[in-house]
Amino acid sequence: FLGASVPAAHLVSYLHRDDAHAVALACALPMRLPHA
């Protein structure tokens, strides 16, 4: 669990280091959809 507001580049860097089965992303506000 990486917590709140993780920058995309940092998340991708983490995924490259981690053999993940999947990534689950949360978004509560529709105004964030372009960023999502």
PDB file of all heavy atoms in Angstrom:
ATOM      1  N   PHE A   1       0.852  -1.190   0.000  1.00  0.00           N
ATOM      2  CA  PHE A   1       0.000   0.000   0.000  1.00  0.00           C
ATOM      3  C   PHE A   1       0.884   1.235   0.000  1.00  0.00           C
ATOM      4  O   PHE A   1       1.634   1.476   0.945  1.00  0.00           O
ATOM      5  CB  PHE A   1      -0.911  -0.004   1.232  1.00  0.00           C
ATOM      6  CG  PHE A   1      -1.787   1.207   1.335  1.00  0.00           C
ATOM      7  CD1 PHE A   1      -2.751   1.471   0.371  1.00  0.00           C
ATOM      8  CD2 PHE A   1      -1.643   2.091   2.394  1.00  0.00           C
ATOM      9  CE1 PHE A   1      -3.557   2.596   0.455  1.00  0.00           C
ATOM     10  CE2 PHE A   1      -2.446   3.219   2.492  1.00  0.00           C
ATOM     11  CZ  PHE A   1      -3.403   3.474   1.516  1.00  0.00           C
ATOM     12  N   LEU A   2       0.790   2.036  -1.065  1.00  0.00           N
ATOM     13  CA  LEU A   2       1.673   3.193  -1.222  1.00  0.00           C
ATOM     14  C   LEU A   2       1.076   4.487  -0.680  1.00  0.00           C
ATOM     15  O   LEU A   2       1.783   5.494  -0.594  1.00  0.00           O
ATOM     16  CB  LEU A   2       2.043   3.368  -2.694  1.00  0.00           C
ATOM     17  CG  LEU A   2       2.661   2.150  -3.392  1.00  0.00           C
ATOM     18  CD1 LEU A   2       3.140   2.538  -4.786  1.00  0.00           C
ATOM     19  CD2 LEU A   2       3.781   1.545  -2.577  1.00  0.00           C
ATOM     20  N   GLY A   3      -0.205   4.487  -0.352  1.00  0.00           N
ATOM     21  CA  GLY A   3      -0.799   5.654   0.283  1.00  0.00           C
ATOM     22  C   GLY A   3      -1.323   6.697  -0.683  1.00  0.00           C
ATOM     23  O   GLY A   3      -1.581   6.427  -1.856  1.00  0.00           O
ATOM     24  N   ALA A   4      -1.435   7.925  -0.168  1.00  0.00           N
ATOM     25  CA  ALA A   4      -2.065   9.015  -0.916  1.00  0.00           C
ATOM     26  C   ALA A   4      -1.104   9.675  -1.892  1.00  0.00           C
ATOM     27  O   ALA A   4       0.110   9.691  -1.677  1.00  0.00           O
ATOM     28  CB  ALA A   4      -2.589  10.069   0.063  1.00  0.00           C
ATOM     29  N   SER A   5      -1.680  10.196  -2.981  1.00  0.00           N
ATOM     30  CA  SER A   5      -0.991  11.063  -3.946  1.00  0.00           C
ATOM     31  C   SER A   5       0.412  10.597  -4.294  1.00  0.00           C
ATOM     32  O   SER A   5       1.413  11.230  -3.933  1.00  0.00           O
ATOM     33  CB  SER A   5      -0.935  12.505  -3.409  1.00  0.00           C
ATOM     34  OG  SER A   5      -0.497  13.386  -4.420  1.00  0.00           O
ATOM     35  N   VAL A   6       0.482   9.523  -5.059  1.00  0.00           N
ATOM     36  CA  VAL A   6       1.777   9.006  -5.515  1.00  0.00           C
ATOM     37  C   VAL A   6       2.032   9.505  -6.944  1.00  0.00           C
ATOM     38  O   VAL A   6       1.239   9.233  -7.844  1.00  0.00           O
ATOM     39  CB  VAL A   6       1.795   7.466  -5.489  1.00  0.00           C
ATOM     40  CG1 VAL A   6       3.138   6.934  -5.987  1.00  0.00           C
ATOM     41  CG2 VAL A   6       1.502   6.956  -4.082  1.00  0.00           C
ATOM     42  N   PRO A   7       3.111  10.246  -7.183  1.00  0.00           N
ATOM     43  CA  PRO A   7       3.411  10.716  -8.540  1.00  0.00           C
ATOM     44  C   PRO A   7       3.580   9.543  -9.504  1.00  0.00           C
ATOM     45  O   PRO A   7       4.111   8.495  -9.128  1.00  0.00           O
ATOM     46  CB  PRO A   7       4.722  11.493  -8.363  1.00  0.00           C
ATOM     47  CG  PRO A   7       4.742  11.881  -6.922  1.00  0.00           C
ATOM     48  CD  PRO A   7       4.082  10.759  -6.187  1.00  0.00           C
ATOM     49  N   ALA A   8       3.123   9.728 -10.732  1.00  0.00           N
ATOM     50  CA  ALA A   8       3.143   8.649 -11.718  1.00  0.00           C
ATOM     51  C   ALA A   8       4.545   8.078 -11.921  1.00  0.00           C
ATOM     52  O   ALA A   8       4.731   6.856 -11.968  1.00  0.00           O
ATOM     53  CB  ALA A   8       2.571   9.144 -13.043  1.00  0.00           C
ATOM     54  N   ALA A   9       5.544   8.959 -12.047  1.00  0.00           N
ATOM     55  CA  ALA A   9       6.909   8.477 -12.292  1.00  0.00           C
ATOM     56  C   ALA A   9       7.411   7.609 -11.142  1.00  0.00           C
ATOM     57  O   ALA A   9       8.086   6.596 -11.360  1.00  0.00           O
ATOM     58  CB  ALA A   9       7.851   9.669 -12.501  1.00  0.00           C
ATOM     59  N   HIS A  10       7.059   7.977  -9.921  1.00  0.00           N
ATOM     60  CA  HIS A  10       7.495   7.206  -8.758  1.00  0.00           C
ATOM     61  C   HIS A  10       6.781   5.863  -8.705  1.00  0.00           C
ATOM     62  O   HIS A  10       7.376   4.848  -8.333  1.00  0.00           O
ATOM     63  CB  HIS A  10       7.231   7.996  -7.482  1.00  0.00           C
ATOM     64  CG  HIS A  10       8.067   9.230  -7.354  1.00  0.00           C
ATOM     65  ND1 HIS A  10       8.986   9.414  -6.350  1.00  0.00           N
ATOM     66  CD2 HIS A  10       8.144  10.335  -8.124  1.00  0.00           C
ATOM     67  CE1 HIS A  10       9.589  10.584  -6.498  1.00  0.00           C
ATOM     68  NE2 HIS A  10       9.084  11.161  -7.573  1.00  0.00           N
ATOM     69  N   LEU A  11       5.498   5.857  -9.066  1.00  0.00           N
ATOM     70  CA  LEU A  11       4.759   4.599  -9.088  1.00  0.00           C
ATOM     71  C   LEU A  11       5.336   3.653 -10.129  1.00  0.00           C
ATOM     72  O   LEU A  11       5.550   2.464  -9.861  1.00  0.00           O
ATOM     73  CB  LEU A  11       3.281   4.861  -9.370  1.00  0.00           C
ATOM     74  CG  LEU A  11       2.410   3.612  -9.553  1.00  0.00           C
ATOM     75  CD1 LEU A  11       2.414   2.743  -8.299  1.00  0.00           C
ATOM     76  CD2 LEU A  11       0.973   4.002  -9.928  1.00  0.00           C
ATOM     77  N   VAL A  12       5.587   4.160 -11.319  1.00  0.00           N
ATOM     78  CA  VAL A  12       6.131   3.314 -12.385  1.00  0.00           C
ATOM     79  C   VAL A  12       7.507   2.775 -11.997  1.00  0.00           C
ATOM     80  O   VAL A  12       7.824   1.606 -12.228  1.00  0.00           O
ATOM     81  CB  VAL A  12       6.198   4.094 -13.719  1.00  0.00           C
ATOM     82  CG1 VAL A  12       6.974   3.306 -14.770  1.00  0.00           C
ATOM     83  CG2 VAL A  12       4.787   4.412 -14.201  1.00  0.00           C
ATOM     84  N   SER A  13       8.325   3.619 -11.390  1.00  0.00           N
ATOM     85  CA  SER A  13       9.635   3.162 -10.923  1.00  0.00           C
ATOM     86  C   SER A  13       9.478   2.033  -9.925  1.00  0.00           C
ATOM     87  O   SER A  13      10.211   1.036  -9.965  1.00  0.00           O
ATOM     88  CB  SER A  13      10.388   4.328 -10.290  1.00  0.00           C
ATOM     89  OG  SER A  13      11.621   3.897  -9.749  1.00  0.00           O
ATOM     90  N   TYR A  14       8.489   2.146  -9.035  1.00  0.00           N
ATOM     91  CA  TYR A  14       8.237   1.094  -8.047  1.00  0.00           C
ATOM     92  C   TYR A  14       7.785  -0.186  -8.740  1.00  0.00           C
ATOM     93  O   TYR A  14       8.206  -1.291  -8.379  1.00  0.00           O
ATOM     94  CB  TYR A  14       7.175   1.575  -7.064  1.00  0.00           C
ATOM     95  CG  TYR A  14       6.977   0.658  -5.884  1.00  0.00           C
ATOM     96  CD1 TYR A  14       7.722   0.829  -4.714  1.00  0.00           C
ATOM     97  CD2 TYR A  14       6.044  -0.376  -5.919  1.00  0.00           C
ATOM     98  CE1 TYR A  14       7.555  -0.005  -3.630  1.00  0.00           C
ATOM     99  CE2 TYR A  14       5.861  -1.217  -4.839  1.00  0.00           C
ATOM    100  CZ  TYR A  14       6.622  -1.031  -3.700  1.00  0.00           C
ATOM    101  OH  TYR A  14       6.452  -1.875  -2.629  1.00  0.00           O
ATOM    102  N   LEU A  15       6.919  -0.066  -9.740  1.00  0.00           N
ATOM    103  CA  LEU A  15       6.424  -1.246 -10.443  1.00  0.00           C
ATOM    104  C   LEU A  15       7.539  -1.965 -11.190  1.00  0.00           C
ATOM    105  O   LEU A  15       7.547  -3.200 -11.291  1.00  0.00           O
ATOM    106  CB  LEU A  15       5.309  -0.845 -11.422  1.00  0.00           C
ATOM    107  CG  LEU A  15       4.018  -0.328 -10.793  1.00  0.00           C
ATOM    108  CD1 LEU A  15       3.059   0.144 -11.882  1.00  0.00           C
ATOM    109  CD2 LEU A  15       3.367  -1.400  -9.935  1.00  0.00           C
ATOM    110  N   HIS A  16       8.499  -1.208 -11.717  1.00  0.00           N
ATOM    111  CA  HIS A  16       9.617  -1.823 -12.423  1.00  0.00           C
ATOM    112  C   HIS A  16      10.508  -2.621 -11.463  1.00  0.00           C
ATOM    113  O   HIS A  16      11.122  -3.608 -11.855  1.00  0.00           O
ATOM    114  CB  HIS A  16      10.452  -0.749 -13.136  1.00  0.00           C
ATOM    115  CG  HIS A  16       9.875  -0.302 -14.443  1.00  0.00           C
ATOM    116  ND1 HIS A  16       9.630  -1.176 -15.492  1.00  0.00           N
ATOM    117  CD2 HIS A  16       9.496   0.927 -14.899  1.00  0.00           C
ATOM    118  CE1 HIS A  16       9.135  -0.516 -16.521  1.00  0.00           C
ATOM    119  NE2 HIS A  16       9.033   0.767 -16.181  1.00  0.00           N
ATOM    120  N   ARG A  17      10.555  -2.187 -10.212  1.00  0.00           N
ATOM    121  CA  ARG A  17      11.386  -2.893  -9.228  1.00  0.00           C
ATOM    122  C   ARG A  17      10.639  -4.058  -8.587  1.00  0.00           C
ATOM    123  O   ARG A  17      11.234  -4.933  -7.972  1.00  0.00           O
ATOM    124  CB  ARG A  17      11.833  -1.928  -8.118  1.00  0.00           C
ATOM    125  CG  ARG A  17      12.785  -0.835  -8.581  1.00  0.00           C
ATOM    126  CD  ARG A  17      13.382  -0.080  -7.399  1.00  0.00           C
ATOM    127  NE  ARG A  17      12.373   0.600  -6.580  1.00  0.00           N
ATOM    128  CZ  ARG A  17      11.954   0.166  -5.401  1.00  0.00           C
ATOM    129  NH1 ARG A  17      12.434  -0.945  -4.882  1.00  0.00           N
ATOM    130  NH2 ARG A  17      11.050   0.849  -4.719  1.00  0.00           N
ATOM    131  N   ASP A  18       9.311  -4.041  -8.720  1.00  0.00           N
ATOM    132  CA  ASP A  18       8.478  -4.990  -7.996  1.00  0.00           C
ATOM    133  C   ASP A  18       7.767  -5.905  -8.993  1.00  0.00           C
ATOM    134  O   ASP A  18       7.218  -5.437  -9.982  1.00  0.00           O
ATOM    135  CB  ASP A  18       7.449  -4.219  -7.165  1.00  0.00           C
ATOM    136  CG  ASP A  18       6.879  -5.048  -6.039  1.00  0.00           C
ATOM    137  OD1 ASP A  18       7.631  -5.319  -5.099  1.00  0.00           O
ATOM    138  OD2 ASP A  18       5.699  -5.410  -6.122  1.00  0.00           O
ATOM    139  N   ASP A  19       7.781  -7.188  -8.737  1.00  0.00           N
ATOM    140  CA  ASP A  19       7.115  -8.134  -9.624  1.00  0.00           C
ATOM    141  C   ASP A  19       5.641  -8.214  -9.250  1.00  0.00           C
ATOM    142  O   ASP A  19       5.187  -9.138  -8.573  1.00  0.00           O
ATOM    143  CB  ASP A  19       7.775  -9.517  -9.500  1.00  0.00           C
ATOM    144  CG  ASP A  19       7.227 -10.513 -10.506  1.00  0.00           C
ATOM    145  OD1 ASP A  19       6.628 -10.066 -11.507  1.00  0.00           O
ATOM    146  OD2 ASP A  19       7.377 -11.724 -10.278  1.00  0.00           O
ATOM    147  N   ALA A  20       4.884  -7.208  -9.677  1.00  0.00           N
ATOM    148  CA  ALA A  20       3.491  -7.090  -9.248  1.00  0.00           C
ATOM    149  C   ALA A  20       2.557  -7.887 -10.151  1.00  0.00           C
ATOM    150  O   ALA A  20       2.703  -7.898 -11.375  1.00  0.00           O
ATOM    151  CB  ALA A  20       3.074  -5.623  -9.230  1.00  0.00           C
ATOM    152  N   HIS A  21       1.589  -8.531  -9.526  1.00  0.00           N
ATOM    153  CA  HIS A  21       0.530  -9.212 -10.261  1.00  0.00           C
ATOM    154  C   HIS A  21      -0.401  -8.196 -10.900  1.00  0.00           C
ATOM    155  O   HIS A  21      -0.917  -8.394 -12.001  1.00  0.00           O
ATOM    156  CB  HIS A  21      -0.246 -10.120  -9.304  1.00  0.00           C
ATOM    157  CG  HIS A  21      -1.404 -10.835  -9.923  1.00  0.00           C
ATOM    158  ND1 HIS A  21      -1.251 -11.979 -10.688  1.00  0.00           N
ATOM    159  CD2 HIS A  21      -2.747 -10.569  -9.903  1.00  0.00           C
ATOM    160  CE1 HIS A  21      -2.440 -12.396 -11.099  1.00  0.00           C
ATOM    161  NE2 HIS A  21      -3.357 -11.556 -10.643  1.00  0.00           N
ATOM    162  N   ALA A  22      -0.629  -7.077 -10.199  1.00  0.00           N
ATOM    163  CA  ALA A  22      -1.511  -6.018 -10.691  1.00  0.00           C
ATOM    164  C   ALA A  22      -1.297  -4.766  -9.848  1.00  0.00           C
ATOM    165  O   ALA A  22      -0.714  -4.806  -8.765  1.00  0.00           O
ATOM    166  CB  ALA A  22      -2.972  -6.451 -10.628  1.00  0.00           C
ATOM    167  N   VAL A  23      -1.811  -3.651 -10.353  1.00  0.00           N
ATOM    168  CA  VAL A  23      -1.803  -2.402  -9.600  1.00  0.00           C
ATOM    169  C   VAL A  23      -3.239  -1.894  -9.519  1.00  0.00           C
ATOM    170  O   VAL A  23      -3.976  -1.901 -10.509  1.00  0.00           O
ATOM    171  CB  VAL A  23      -0.872  -1.349 -10.242  1.00  0.00           C
ATOM    172  CG1 VAL A  23      -1.256  -1.069 -11.682  1.00  0.00           C
ATOM    173  CG2 VAL A  23      -0.882  -0.057  -9.423  1.00  0.00           C
ATOM    174  N   ALA A  24      -3.650  -1.506  -8.304  1.00  0.00           N
ATOM    175  CA  ALA A  24      -4.998  -0.978  -8.080  1.00  0.00           C
ATOM    176  C   ALA A  24      -4.883   0.500  -7.734  1.00  0.00           C
ATOM    177  O   ALA A  24      -4.176   0.869  -6.790  1.00  0.00           O
ATOM    178  CB  ALA A  24      -5.678  -1.741  -6.946  1.00  0.00           C
ATOM    179  N   LEU A  25      -5.571   1.337  -8.500  1.00  0.00           N
ATOM    180  CA  LEU A  25      -5.475   2.792  -8.344  1.00  0.00           C
ATOM    181  C   LEU A  25      -6.812   3.379  -7.916  1.00  0.00           C
ATOM    182  O   LEU A  25      -7.861   3.002  -8.447  1.00  0.00           O
ATOM    183  CB  LEU A  25      -5.037   3.424  -9.668  1.00  0.00           C
ATOM    184  CG  LEU A  25      -3.721   2.921 -10.261  1.00  0.00           C
ATOM    185  CD1 LEU A  25      -3.501   3.518 -11.641  1.00  0.00           C
ATOM    186  CD2 LEU A  25      -2.564   3.248  -9.339  1.00  0.00           C
ATOM    187  N   ALA A  26      -6.754   4.303  -6.957  1.00  0.00           N
ATOM    188  CA  ALA A  26      -7.975   4.900  -6.420  1.00  0.00           C
ATOM    189  C   ALA A  26      -8.079   6.375  -6.800  1.00  0.00           C
ATOM    190  O   ALA A  26      -7.084   7.093  -6.815  1.00  0.00           O
ATOM    191  CB  ALA A  26      -7.995   4.769  -4.900  1.00  0.00           C
ATOM    192  N   CYS A  27      -9.306   6.807  -7.097  1.00  0.00           N
ATOM    193  CA  CYS A  27      -9.571   8.211  -7.413  1.00  0.00           C
ATOM    194  C   CYS A  27     -10.967   8.557  -6.909  1.00  0.00           C
ATOM    195  O   CYS A  27     -11.947   7.931  -7.311  1.00  0.00           O
ATOM    196  CB  CYS A  27      -9.480   8.440  -8.919  1.00  0.00           C
ATOM    197  SG  CYS A  27      -9.793  10.142  -9.440  1.00  0.00           S
ATOM    198  N   ALA A  28     -11.059   9.541  -6.024  1.00  0.00           N
ATOM    199  CA  ALA A  28     -12.341   9.911  -5.425  1.00  0.00           C
ATOM    200  C   ALA A  28     -13.032  11.052  -6.153  1.00  0.00           C
ATOM    201  O   ALA A  28     -14.251  11.204  -6.046  1.00  0.00           O
ATOM    202  CB  ALA A  28     -12.140  10.288  -3.955  1.00  0.00           C
ATOM    203  N   LEU A  29     -12.273  11.886  -6.888  1.00  0.00           N
ATOM    204  CA  LEU A  29     -12.840  13.081  -7.491  1.00  0.00           C
ATOM    205  C   LEU A  29     -12.749  13.020  -9.016  1.00  0.00           C
ATOM    206  O   LEU A  29     -11.644  12.914  -9.569  1.00  0.00           O
ATOM    207  CB  LEU A  29     -12.107  14.327  -6.986  1.00  0.00           C
ATOM    208  CG  LEU A  29     -12.207  14.584  -5.479  1.00  0.00           C
ATOM    209  CD1 LEU A  29     -11.325  15.770  -5.092  1.00  0.00           C
ATOM    210  CD2 LEU A  29     -13.646  14.829  -5.059  1.00  0.00           C
ATOM    211  N   PRO A  30     -13.875  13.122  -9.713  1.00  0.00           N
ATOM    212  CA  PRO A  30     -13.845  13.056 -11.177  1.00  0.00           C
ATOM    213  C   PRO A  30     -12.990  14.131 -11.827  1.00  0.00           C
ATOM    214  O   PRO A  30     -12.517  13.940 -12.952  1.00  0.00           O
ATOM    215  CB  PRO A  30     -15.319  13.221 -11.568  1.00  0.00           C
ATOM    216  CG  PRO A  30     -16.080  12.771 -10.380  1.00  0.00           C
ATOM    217  CD  PRO A  30     -15.251  13.184  -9.197  1.00  0.00           C
ATOM    218  N   MET A  31     -12.777  15.269 -11.163  1.00  0.00           N
ATOM    219  CA  MET A  31     -11.957  16.308 -11.787  1.00  0.00           C
ATOM    220  C   MET A  31     -10.513  15.843 -11.982  1.00  0.00           C
ATOM    221  O   MET A  31      -9.760  16.468 -12.722  1.00  0.00           O
ATOM    222  CB  MET A  31     -12.001  17.594 -10.969  1.00  0.00           C
ATOM    223  CG  MET A  31     -11.259  17.553  -9.654  1.00  0.00           C
ATOM    224  SD  MET A  31     -11.290  19.179  -8.850  1.00  0.00           S
ATOM    225  CE  MET A  31     -10.281  18.861  -7.409  1.00  0.00           C
ATOM    226  N   ARG A  32     -10.130  14.724 -11.322  1.00  0.00           N
ATOM    227  CA  ARG A  32      -8.777  14.192 -11.465  1.00  0.00           C
ATOM    228  C   ARG A  32      -8.655  13.215 -12.638  1.00  0.00           C
ATOM    229  O   ARG A  32      -7.572  12.668 -12.868  1.00  0.00           O
ATOM    230  CB  ARG A  32      -8.356  13.483 -10.183  1.00  0.00           C
ATOM    231  CG  ARG A  32      -8.431  14.301  -8.920  1.00  0.00           C
ATOM    232  CD  ARG A  32      -7.492  15.475  -8.920  1.00  0.00           C
ATOM    233  NE  ARG A  32      -6.108  15.086  -9.142  1.00  0.00           N
ATOM    234  CZ  ARG A  32      -5.115  15.938  -9.324  1.00  0.00           C
ATOM    235  NH1 ARG A  32      -5.356  17.239  -9.321  1.00  0.00           N
ATOM    236  NH2 ARG A  32      -3.882  15.511  -9.524  1.00  0.00           N
ATOM    237  N   LEU A  33      -9.715  12.992 -13.386  1.00  0.00           N
ATOM    238  CA  LEU A  33      -9.692  11.968 -14.430  1.00  0.00           C
ATOM    239  C   LEU A  33      -8.605  12.170 -15.493  1.00  0.00           C
ATOM    240  O   LEU A  33      -7.959  11.194 -15.902  1.00  0.00           O
ATOM    241  CB  LEU A  33     -11.067  11.858 -15.101  1.00  0.00           C
ATOM    242  CG  LEU A  33     -12.114  11.083 -14.292  1.00  0.00           C
ATOM    243  CD1 LEU A  33     -13.472  11.172 -14.979  1.00  0.00           C
ATOM    244  CD2 LEU A  33     -11.707   9.630 -14.102  1.00  0.00           C
ATOM    245  N   PRO A  34      -8.367  13.389 -15.987  1.00  0.00           N
ATOM    246  CA  PRO A  34      -7.269  13.533 -16.953  1.00  0.00           C
ATOM    247  C   PRO A  34      -5.926  13.103 -16.374  1.00  0.00           C
ATOM    248  O   PRO A  34      -5.130  12.438 -17.045  1.00  0.00           O
ATOM    249  CB  PRO A  34      -7.285  15.032 -17.289  1.00  0.00           C
ATOM    250  CG  PRO A  34      -8.700  15.451 -17.046  1.00  0.00           C
ATOM    251  CD  PRO A  34      -9.127  14.658 -15.845  1.00  0.00           C
ATOM    252  N   HIS A  35      -5.663  13.461 -15.103  1.00  0.00           N
ATOM    253  CA  HIS A  35      -4.430  13.022 -14.447  1.00  0.00           C
ATOM    254  C   HIS A  35      -4.444  11.499 -14.249  1.00  0.00           C
ATOM    255  O   HIS A  35      -3.418  10.839 -14.394  1.00  0.00           O
ATOM    256  CB  HIS A  35      -4.281  13.725 -13.099  1.00  0.00           C
ATOM    257  CG  HIS A  35      -4.278  15.212 -13.194  1.00  0.00           C
ATOM    258  ND1 HIS A  35      -3.159  15.939 -13.531  1.00  0.00           N
ATOM    259  CD2 HIS A  35      -5.268  16.119 -13.022  1.00  0.00           C
ATOM    260  CE1 HIS A  35      -3.457  17.227 -13.544  1.00  0.00           C
ATOM    261  NE2 HIS A  35      -4.725  17.366 -13.246  1.00  0.00           N
ATOM    262  N   ALA A  36      -5.615  10.964 -13.903  1.00  0.00           N
ATOM    263  CA  ALA A  36      -5.731   9.518 -13.722  1.00  0.00           C
ATOM    264  C   ALA A  36      -5.400   8.780 -15.010  1.00  0.00           C
ATOM    265  O   ALA A  36      -4.709   7.749 -14.986  1.00  0.00           O
ATOM    266  CB  ALA A  36      -7.145   9.170 -13.257  1.00  0.00           C
TER     267      ALA A  36
END
